[in-house]
Amino acid sequence: MEFKTKSGKKVKFKEISVLELCKLKDILHNSTDFNSEDNKFTAPFECMYRWLSAGIENFTDELFTSFSEDDRVEIFVKMQDHFIMGEQKASN
């Protein structure tokens, strides 16, 4: 799947094995800080890096640093939607 951020950065998601997806979910779970008032969460830098490095084709550190913080968050959220929500849809 290809994705374009609001700023125009294009990335292509690669396939992730079920085991890799489980590991990524564990990282997200262990590093998520839930705020009970409004259910927002923050994703620490390493968690976001691991998700992007595992799920973007031809990922490099140079590519990562070329993204703005907004790009990283946008891609991170889209990846979760694609991989986690796609997994739920597939099991229905």
PDB file of N, CA and C in Angstrom:
ATOM      1  N   MET A   1       0.839  -1.173   0.000  1.00  0.00           N
ATOM      2  CA  MET A   1       0.000   0.000   0.000  1.00  0.00           C
ATOM      3  C   MET A   1       0.887   1.241   0.000  1.00  0.00           C
ATOM      4  N   GLU A   2       0.550   2.195  -0.829  1.00  0.00           N
ATOM      5  CA  GLU A   2       1.278   3.465  -0.853  1.00  0.00           C
ATOM      6  C   GLU A   2       0.483   4.499  -0.077  1.00  0.00           C
ATOM      7  N   PHE A   3       1.222   5.385   0.567  1.00  0.00           N
ATOM      8  CA  PHE A   3       0.600   6.428   1.375  1.00  0.00           C
ATOM      9  C   PHE A   3       1.353   7.729   1.160  1.00  0.00           C
ATOM     10  N   LYS A   4       0.600   8.829   1.065  1.00  0.00           N
ATOM     11  CA  LYS A   4       1.191  10.155   0.896  1.00  0.00           C
ATOM     12  C   LYS A   4       0.751  11.032   2.067  1.00  0.00           C
ATOM     13  N   THR A   5       1.725  11.626   2.744  1.00  0.00           N
ATOM     14  CA  THR A   5       1.410  12.505   3.873  1.00  0.00           C
ATOM     15  C   THR A   5       0.838  13.827   3.367  1.00  0.00           C
ATOM     16  N   LYS A   6       0.291  14.592   4.283  1.00  0.00           N
ATOM     17  CA  LYS A   6      -0.254  15.905   3.919  1.00  0.00           C
ATOM     18  C   LYS A   6       0.821  16.816   3.342  1.00  0.00           C
ATOM     19  N   SER A   7       2.085  16.598   3.768  1.00  0.00           N
ATOM     20  CA  SER A   7       3.176  17.439   3.268  1.00  0.00           C
ATOM     21  C   SER A   7       3.732  16.937   1.935  1.00  0.00           C
ATOM     22  N   GLY A   8       3.222  15.783   1.464  1.00  0.00           N
ATOM     23  CA  GLY A   8       3.641  15.278   0.162  1.00  0.00           C
ATOM     24  C   GLY A   8       4.659  14.155   0.183  1.00  0.00           C
ATOM     25  N   LYS A   9       5.105  13.706   1.364  1.00  0.00           N
ATOM     26  CA  LYS A   9       6.052  12.591   1.451  1.00  0.00           C
ATOM     27  C   LYS A   9       5.316  11.297   1.109  1.00  0.00           C
ATOM     28  N   LYS A  10       5.945  10.492   0.234  1.00  0.00           N
ATOM     29  CA  LYS A  10       5.342   9.226  -0.169  1.00  0.00           C
ATOM     30  C   LYS A  10       6.117   8.065   0.424  1.00  0.00           C
ATOM     31  N   VAL A  11       5.377   7.084   0.934  1.00  0.00           N
ATOM     32  CA  VAL A  11       5.979   5.857   1.441  1.00  0.00           C
ATOM     33  C   VAL A  11       5.148   4.678   0.947  1.00  0.00           C
ATOM     34  N   LYS A  12       5.797   3.542   0.905  1.00  0.00           N
ATOM     35  CA  LYS A  12       5.101   2.308   0.543  1.00  0.00           C
ATOM     36  C   LYS A  12       5.266   1.343   1.702  1.00  0.00           C
ATOM     37  N   PHE A  13       4.128   0.832   2.186  1.00  0.00           N
ATOM     38  CA  PHE A  13       4.174  -0.126   3.280  1.00  0.00           C
ATOM     39  C   PHE A  13       4.518  -1.500   2.727  1.00  0.00           C
ATOM     40  N   LYS A  14       5.366  -2.203   3.456  1.00  0.00           N
ATOM     41  CA  LYS A  14       5.697  -3.570   3.059  1.00  0.00           C
ATOM     42  C   LYS A  14       4.885  -4.529   3.916  1.00  0.00           C
ATOM     43  N   GLU A  15       4.864  -5.777   3.513  1.00  0.00           N
ATOM     44  CA  GLU A  15       4.158  -6.784   4.288  1.00  0.00           C
ATOM     45  C   GLU A  15       4.932  -7.081   5.560  1.00  0.00           C
ATOM     46  N   ILE A  16       4.221  -7.261   6.648  1.00  0.00           N
ATOM     47  CA  ILE A  16       4.822  -7.588   7.931  1.00  0.00           C
ATOM     48  C   ILE A  16       4.283  -8.942   8.364  1.00  0.00           C
ATOM     49  N   SER A  17       5.175  -9.803   8.828  1.00  0.00           N
ATOM     50  CA  SER A  17       4.739 -11.121   9.296  1.00  0.00           C
ATOM     51  C   SER A  17       3.894 -10.973  10.554  1.00  0.00           C
ATOM     52  N   VAL A  18       3.129 -11.994  10.860  1.00  0.00           N
ATOM     53  CA  VAL A  18       2.295 -11.972  12.049  1.00  0.00           C
ATOM     54  C   VAL A  18       3.166 -11.830  13.294  1.00  0.00           C
ATOM     55  N   LEU A  19       4.296 -12.523  13.334  1.00  0.00           N
ATOM     56  CA  LEU A  19       5.195 -12.428  14.480  1.00  0.00           C
ATOM     57  C   LEU A  19       5.732 -11.005  14.641  1.00  0.00           C
ATOM     58  N   GLU A  20       6.158 -10.389  13.545  1.00  0.00           N
ATOM     59  CA  GLU A  20       6.667  -9.014  13.602  1.00  0.00           C
ATOM     60  C   GLU A  20       5.574  -8.053  14.063  1.00  0.00           C
ATOM     61  N   LEU A  21       4.357  -8.250  13.568  1.00  0.00           N
ATOM     62  CA  LEU A  21       3.243  -7.396  13.979  1.00  0.00           C
ATOM     63  C   LEU A  21       2.975  -7.552  15.472  1.00  0.00           C
ATOM     64  N   CYS A  22       3.055  -8.775  15.979  1.00  0.00           N
ATOM     65  CA  CYS A  22       2.871  -9.000  17.425  1.00  0.00           C
ATOM     66  C   CYS A  22       3.942  -8.263  18.223  1.00  0.00           C
ATOM     67  N   LYS A  23       5.176  -8.315  17.760  1.00  0.00           N
ATOM     68  CA  LYS A  23       6.260  -7.611  18.451  1.00  0.00           C
ATOM     69  C   LYS A  23       6.018  -6.102  18.436  1.00  0.00           C
ATOM     70  N   LEU A  24       5.576  -5.580  17.307  1.00  0.00           N
ATOM     71  CA  LEU A  24       5.303  -4.147  17.203  1.00  0.00           C
ATOM     72  C   LEU A  24       4.145  -3.737  18.112  1.00  0.00           C
ATOM     73  N   LYS A  25       3.127  -4.573  18.189  1.00  0.00           N
ATOM     74  CA  LYS A  25       2.003  -4.272  19.077  1.00  0.00           C
ATOM     75  C   LYS A  25       2.461  -4.255  20.531  1.00  0.00           C
ATOM     76  N   ASP A  26       3.357  -5.177  20.900  1.00  0.00           N
ATOM     77  CA  ASP A  26       3.876  -5.211  22.267  1.00  0.00           C
ATOM     78  C   ASP A  26       4.659  -3.946  22.574  1.00  0.00           C
ATOM     79  N   ILE A  27       5.445  -3.463  21.614  1.00  0.00           N
ATOM     80  CA  ILE A  27       6.185  -2.215  21.812  1.00  0.00           C
ATOM     81  C   ILE A  27       5.209  -1.068  22.031  1.00  0.00           C
ATOM     82  N   LEU A  28       4.168  -1.021  21.216  1.00  0.00           N
ATOM     83  CA  LEU A  28       3.162   0.037  21.341  1.00  0.00           C
ATOM     84  C   LEU A  28       2.475  -0.050  22.688  1.00  0.00           C
ATOM     85  N   HIS A  29       2.091  -1.246  23.077  1.00  0.00           N
ATOM     86  CA  HIS A  29       1.396  -1.436  24.356  1.00  0.00           C
ATOM     87  C   HIS A  29       2.282  -1.025  25.531  1.00  0.00           C
ATOM     88  N   ASN A  30       3.534  -1.411  25.495  1.00  0.00           N
ATOM     89  CA  ASN A  30       4.438  -1.138  26.601  1.00  0.00           C
ATOM     90  C   ASN A  30       4.864   0.324  26.676  1.00  0.00           C
ATOM     91  N   SER A  31       4.710   1.068  25.612  1.00  0.00           N
ATOM     92  CA  SER A  31       5.182   2.450  25.617  1.00  0.00           C
ATOM     93  C   SER A  31       4.054   3.468  25.494  1.00  0.00           C
ATOM     94  N   THR A  32       2.823   3.024  25.602  1.00  0.00           N
ATOM     95  CA  THR A  32       1.690   3.924  25.468  1.00  0.00           C
ATOM     96  C   THR A  32       1.304   4.488  26.824  1.00  0.00           C
ATOM     97  N   ASP A  33       1.136   5.786  26.869  1.00  0.00           N
ATOM     98  CA  ASP A  33       0.739   6.465  28.094  1.00  0.00           C
ATOM     99  C   ASP A  33      -0.692   6.956  27.912  1.00  0.00           C
ATOM    100  N   PHE A  34      -1.643   6.233  28.441  1.00  0.00           N
ATOM    101  CA  PHE A  34      -3.041   6.595  28.259  1.00  0.00           C
ATOM    102  C   PHE A  34      -3.456   7.663  29.266  1.00  0.00           C
ATOM    103  N   ASN A  35      -4.179   8.640  28.773  1.00  0.00           N
ATOM    104  CA  ASN A  35      -4.704   9.704  29.608  1.00  0.00           C
ATOM    105  C   ASN A  35      -6.190   9.413  29.797  1.00  0.00           C
ATOM    106  N   SER A  36      -6.605   9.103  30.996  1.00  0.00           N
ATOM    107  CA  SER A  36      -7.979   8.678  31.240  1.00  0.00           C
ATOM    108  C   SER A  36      -9.015   9.753  30.933  1.00  0.00           C
ATOM    109  N   GLU A  37      -8.612  11.005  30.913  1.00  0.00           N
ATOM    110  CA  GLU A  37      -9.569  12.075  30.663  1.00  0.00           C
ATOM    111  C   GLU A  37     -10.023  12.140  29.210  1.00  0.00           C
ATOM    112  N   ASP A  38      -9.102  11.949  28.274  1.00  0.00           N
ATOM    113  CA  ASP A  38      -9.499  12.103  26.866  1.00  0.00           C
ATOM    114  C   ASP A  38      -8.996  10.965  25.981  1.00  0.00           C
ATOM    115  N   ASN A  39      -8.471   9.898  26.566  1.00  0.00           N
ATOM    116  CA  ASN A  39      -8.033   8.705  25.841  1.00  0.00           C
ATOM    117  C   ASN A  39      -7.000   8.977  24.755  1.00  0.00           C
ATOM    118  N   LYS A  40      -6.187   9.992  24.927  1.00  0.00           N
ATOM    119  CA  LYS A  40      -5.093  10.237  23.986  1.00  0.00           C
ATOM    120  C   LYS A  40      -3.893   9.419  24.406  1.00  0.00           C
ATOM    121  N   PHE A  41      -3.025   9.114  23.450  1.00  0.00           N
ATOM    122  CA  PHE A  41      -1.793   8.422  23.801  1.00  0.00           C
ATOM    123  C   PHE A  41      -0.624   9.096  23.128  1.00  0.00           C
ATOM    124  N   THR A  42       0.531   8.881  23.704  1.00  0.00           N
ATOM    125  CA  THR A  42       1.748   9.394  23.108  1.00  0.00           C
ATOM    126  C   THR A  42       2.619   8.222  22.727  1.00  0.00           C
ATOM    127  N   ALA A  43       3.262   8.300  21.611  1.00  0.00           N
ATOM    128  CA  ALA A  43       4.141   7.235  21.148  1.00  0.00           C
ATOM    129  C   ALA A  43       5.573   7.718  21.253  1.00  0.00           C
ATOM    130  N   PRO A  44       6.352   7.133  22.123  1.00  0.00           N
ATOM    131  CA  PRO A  44       7.746   7.539  22.251  1.00  0.00           C
ATOM    132  C   PRO A  44       8.510   7.364  20.940  1.00  0.00           C
ATOM    133  N   PHE A  45       9.580   8.085  20.839  1.00  0.00           N
ATOM    134  CA  PHE A  45      10.383   8.134  19.618  1.00  0.00           C
ATOM    135  C   PHE A  45      10.826   6.754  19.140  1.00  0.00           C
ATOM    136  N   GLU A  46      11.355   5.928  20.049  1.00  0.00           N
ATOM    137  CA  GLU A  46      11.831   4.604  19.640  1.00  0.00           C
ATOM    138  C   GLU A  46      10.704   3.724  19.121  1.00  0.00           C
ATOM    139  N   CYS A  47       9.549   3.800  19.746  1.00  0.00           N
ATOM    140  CA  CYS A  47       8.399   3.017  19.298  1.00  0.00           C
ATOM    141  C   CYS A  47       8.027   3.401  17.871  1.00  0.00           C
ATOM    142  N   MET A  48       7.946   4.690  17.619  1.00  0.00           N
ATOM    143  CA  MET A  48       7.594   5.163  16.283  1.00  0.00           C
ATOM    144  C   MET A  48       8.653   4.745  15.259  1.00  0.00           C
ATOM    145  N   TYR A  49       9.929   4.861  15.633  1.00  0.00           N
ATOM    146  CA  TYR A  49      11.022   4.462  14.740  1.00  0.00           C
ATOM    147  C   TYR A  49      10.909   2.984  14.380  1.00  0.00           C
ATOM    148  N   ARG A  50      10.643   2.154  15.371  1.00  0.00           N
ATOM    149  CA  ARG A  50      10.552   0.717  15.112  1.00  0.00           C
ATOM    150  C   ARG A  50       9.394   0.379  14.187  1.00  0.00           C
ATOM    151  N   TRP A  51       8.259   1.016  14.391  1.00  0.00           N
ATOM    152  CA  TRP A  51       7.129   0.773  13.505  1.00  0.00           C
ATOM    153  C   TRP A  51       7.453   1.196  12.069  1.00  0.00           C
ATOM    154  N   LEU A  52       7.998   2.390  11.914  1.00  0.00           N
ATOM    155  CA  LEU A  52       8.297   2.873  10.575  1.00  0.00           C
ATOM    156  C   LEU A  52       9.378   2.028   9.914  1.00  0.00           C
ATOM    157  N   SER A  53      10.404   1.655  10.652  1.00  0.00           N
ATOM    158  CA  SER A  53      11.492   0.865  10.055  1.00  0.00           C
ATOM    159  C   SER A  53      11.025  -0.530   9.660  1.00  0.00           C
ATOM    160  N   ALA A  54      10.080  -1.085  10.404  1.00  0.00           N
ATOM    161  CA  ALA A  54       9.579  -2.427  10.091  1.00  0.00           C
ATOM    162  C   ALA A  54       8.577  -2.422   8.937  1.00  0.00           C
ATOM    163  N   GLY A  55       7.868  -1.312   8.760  1.00  0.00           N
ATOM    164  CA  GLY A  55       6.759  -1.322   7.810  1.00  0.00           C
ATOM    165  C   GLY A  55       6.914  -0.529   6.537  1.00  0.00           C
ATOM    166  N   ILE A  56       8.006   0.219   6.387  1.00  0.00           N
ATOM    167  CA  ILE A  56       8.193   1.030   5.177  1.00  0.00           C
ATOM    168  C   ILE A  56       9.253   0.383   4.293  1.00  0.00           C
ATOM    169  N   GLU A  57       8.907   0.196   3.031  1.00  0.00           N
ATOM    170  CA  GLU A  57       9.873  -0.354   2.078  1.00  0.00           C
ATOM    171  C   GLU A  57      11.049   0.598   1.919  1.00  0.00           C
ATOM    172  N   ASN A  58      12.244   0.024   1.796  1.00  0.00           N
ATOM    173  CA  ASN A  58      13.483   0.774   1.569  1.00  0.00           C
ATOM    174  C   ASN A  58      13.738   1.814   2.655  1.00  0.00           C
ATOM    175  N   PHE A  59      13.392   1.467   3.886  1.00  0.00           N
ATOM    176  CA  PHE A  59      13.580   2.379   5.009  1.00  0.00           C
ATOM    177  C   PHE A  59      15.065   2.549   5.312  1.00  0.00           C
ATOM    178  N   THR A  60      15.462   3.788   5.565  1.00  0.00           N
ATOM    179  CA  THR A  60      16.824   4.105   6.005  1.00  0.00           C
ATOM    180  C   THR A  60      16.723   5.178   7.090  1.00  0.00           C
ATOM    181  N   ASP A  61      17.801   5.342   7.823  1.00  0.00           N
ATOM    182  CA  ASP A  61      17.835   6.431   8.809  1.00  0.00           C
ATOM    183  C   ASP A  61      17.683   7.784   8.116  1.00  0.00           C
ATOM    184  N   GLU A  62      18.260   7.917   6.933  1.00  0.00           N
ATOM    185  CA  GLU A  62      18.154   9.173   6.192  1.00  0.00           C
ATOM    186  C   GLU A  62      16.701   9.465   5.827  1.00  0.00           C
ATOM    187  N   LEU A  63      15.961   8.415   5.454  1.00  0.00           N
ATOM    188  CA  LEU A  63      14.544   8.606   5.144  1.00  0.00           C
ATOM    189  C   LEU A  63      13.802   9.050   6.399  1.00  0.00           C
ATOM    190  N   PHE A  64      14.071   8.386   7.498  1.00  0.00           N
ATOM    191  CA  PHE A  64      13.410   8.727   8.762  1.00  0.00           C
ATOM    192  C   PHE A  64      13.661  10.180   9.144  1.00  0.00           C
ATOM    193  N   THR A  65      14.900  10.614   9.053  1.00  0.00           N
ATOM    194  CA  THR A  65      15.215  11.989   9.451  1.00  0.00           C
ATOM    195  C   THR A  65      14.695  13.024   8.448  1.00  0.00           C
ATOM    196  N   SER A  66      14.333  12.571   7.252  1.00  0.00           N
ATOM    197  CA  SER A  66      13.763  13.509   6.275  1.00  0.00           C
ATOM    198  C   SER A  66      12.298  13.826   6.577  1.00  0.00           C
ATOM    199  N   PHE A  67      11.662  13.007   7.410  1.00  0.00           N
ATOM    200  CA  PHE A  67      10.268  13.250   7.781  1.00  0.00           C
ATOM    201  C   PHE A  67      10.190  14.288   8.896  1.00  0.00           C
ATOM    202  N   SER A  68       9.218  15.157   8.793  1.00  0.00           N
ATOM    203  CA  SER A  68       8.934  16.059   9.910  1.00  0.00           C
ATOM    204  C   SER A  68       8.260  15.237  11.008  1.00  0.00           C
ATOM    205  N   GLU A  69       8.164  15.807  12.175  1.00  0.00           N
ATOM    206  CA  GLU A  69       7.473  15.110  13.274  1.00  0.00           C
ATOM    207  C   GLU A  69       6.020  14.830  12.893  1.00  0.00           C
ATOM    208  N   ASP A  70       5.385  15.784  12.218  1.00  0.00           N
ATOM    209  CA  ASP A  70       4.009  15.577  11.765  1.00  0.00           C
ATOM    210  C   ASP A  70       3.918  14.427  10.769  1.00  0.00           C
ATOM    211  N   ASP A  71       4.894  14.337   9.834  1.00  0.00           N
ATOM    212  CA  ASP A  71       4.926  13.227   8.876  1.00  0.00           C
ATOM    213  C   ASP A  71       5.027  11.892   9.610  1.00  0.00           C
ATOM    214  N   ARG A  72       5.926  11.833  10.587  1.00  0.00           N
ATOM    215  CA  ARG A  72       6.142  10.584  11.332  1.00  0.00           C
ATOM    216  C   ARG A  72       4.870  10.137  12.030  1.00  0.00           C
ATOM    217  N   VAL A  73       4.204  11.072  12.685  1.00  0.00           N
ATOM    218  CA  VAL A  73       2.967  10.732  13.394  1.00  0.00           C
ATOM    219  C   VAL A  73       1.897  10.292  12.406  1.00  0.00           C
ATOM    220  N   GLU A  74       1.773  11.000  11.308  1.00  0.00           N
ATOM    221  CA  GLU A  74       0.765  10.671  10.304  1.00  0.00           C
ATOM    222  C   GLU A  74       1.002   9.276   9.725  1.00  0.00           C
ATOM    223  N   ILE A  75       2.243   8.962   9.404  1.00  0.00           N
ATOM    224  CA  ILE A  75       2.591   7.641   8.866  1.00  0.00           C
ATOM    225  C   ILE A  75       2.357   6.566   9.918  1.00  0.00           C
ATOM    226  N   PHE A  76       2.781   6.825  11.150  1.00  0.00           N
ATOM    227  CA  PHE A  76       2.621   5.899  12.262  1.00  0.00           C
ATOM    228  C   PHE A  76       1.147   5.531  12.455  1.00  0.00           C
ATOM    229  N   VAL A  77       0.278   6.531  12.478  1.00  0.00           N
ATOM    230  CA  VAL A  77      -1.158   6.298  12.660  1.00  0.00           C
ATOM    231  C   VAL A  77      -1.725   5.525  11.473  1.00  0.00           C
ATOM    232  N   LYS A  78      -1.314   5.879  10.272  1.00  0.00           N
ATOM    233  CA  LYS A  78      -1.807   5.178   9.076  1.00  0.00           C
ATOM    234  C   LYS A  78      -1.355   3.724   9.083  1.00  0.00           C
ATOM    235  N   MET A  79      -0.115   3.471   9.522  1.00  0.00           N
ATOM    236  CA  MET A  79       0.376   2.098   9.595  1.00  0.00           C
ATOM    237  C   MET A  79      -0.453   1.282  10.584  1.00  0.00           C
ATOM    238  N   GLN A  80      -0.765   1.868  11.725  1.00  0.00           N
ATOM    239  CA  GLN A  80      -1.590   1.157  12.695  1.00  0.00           C
ATOM    240  C   GLN A  80      -2.948   0.833  12.101  1.00  0.00           C
ATOM    241  N   ASP A  81      -3.535   1.780  11.421  1.00  0.00           N
ATOM    242  CA  ASP A  81      -4.823   1.551  10.772  1.00  0.00           C
ATOM    243  C   ASP A  81      -4.701   0.434   9.736  1.00  0.00           C
ATOM    244  N   HIS A  82      -3.663   0.486   8.929  1.00  0.00           N
ATOM    245  CA  HIS A  82      -3.473  -0.496   7.860  1.00  0.00           C
ATOM    246  C   HIS A  82      -3.215  -1.895   8.411  1.00  0.00           C
ATOM    247  N   PHE A  83      -2.290  -2.011   9.361  1.00  0.00           N
ATOM    248  CA  PHE A  83      -1.895  -3.328   9.843  1.00  0.00           C
ATOM    249  C   PHE A  83      -2.807  -3.874  10.933  1.00  0.00           C
ATOM    250  N   ILE A  84      -3.197  -3.061  11.891  1.00  0.00           N
ATOM    251  CA  ILE A  84      -4.007  -3.561  12.999  1.00  0.00           C
ATOM    252  C   ILE A  84      -5.478  -3.638  12.613  1.00  0.00           C
ATOM    253  N   MET A  85      -6.002  -2.575  12.039  1.00  0.00           N
ATOM    254  CA  MET A  85      -7.407  -2.602  11.640  1.00  0.00           C
ATOM    255  C   MET A  85      -7.614  -3.562  10.474  1.00  0.00           C
ATOM    256  N   GLY A  86      -6.639  -3.632   9.573  1.00  0.00           N
ATOM    257  CA  GLY A  86      -6.722  -4.599   8.478  1.00  0.00           C
ATOM    258  C   GLY A  86      -6.759  -6.019   8.995  1.00  0.00           C
ATOM    259  N   GLU A  87      -6.046  -6.272  10.085  1.00  0.00           N
ATOM    260  CA  GLU A  87      -6.033  -7.589  10.698  1.00  0.00           C
ATOM    261  C   GLU A  87      -7.418  -7.924  11.253  1.00  0.00           C
ATOM    262  N   GLN A  88      -8.060  -6.938  11.863  1.00  0.00           N
ATOM    263  CA  GLN A  88      -9.407  -7.170  12.401  1.00  0.00           C
ATOM    264  C   GLN A  88     -10.412  -7.416  11.292  1.00  0.00           C
ATOM    265  N   LYS A  89     -10.301  -6.678  10.207  1.00  0.00           N
ATOM    266  CA  LYS A  89     -11.201  -6.873   9.077  1.00  0.00           C
ATOM    267  C   LYS A  89     -11.021  -8.249   8.469  1.00  0.00           C
ATOM    268  N   ALA A  90      -9.781  -8.724   8.412  1.00  0.00           N
ATOM    269  CA  ALA A  90      -9.490 -10.011   7.795  1.00  0.00           C
ATOM    270  C   ALA A  90     -10.098 -11.156   8.619  1.00  0.00           C
ATOM    271  N   SER A  91     -10.230 -10.981   9.925  1.00  0.00           N
ATOM    272  CA  SER A  91     -10.737 -12.056  10.768  1.00  0.00           C
ATOM    273  C   SER A  91     -12.266 -12.098  10.830  1.00  0.00           C
ATOM    274  N   ASN A  92     -12.933 -11.086  10.289  1.00  0.00           N
ATOM    275  CA  ASN A  92     -14.396 -11.069  10.305  1.00  0.00           C
ATOM    276  C   ASN A  92     -14.976 -12.039   9.306  1.00  0.00           C
TER     277      ASN A  92
END
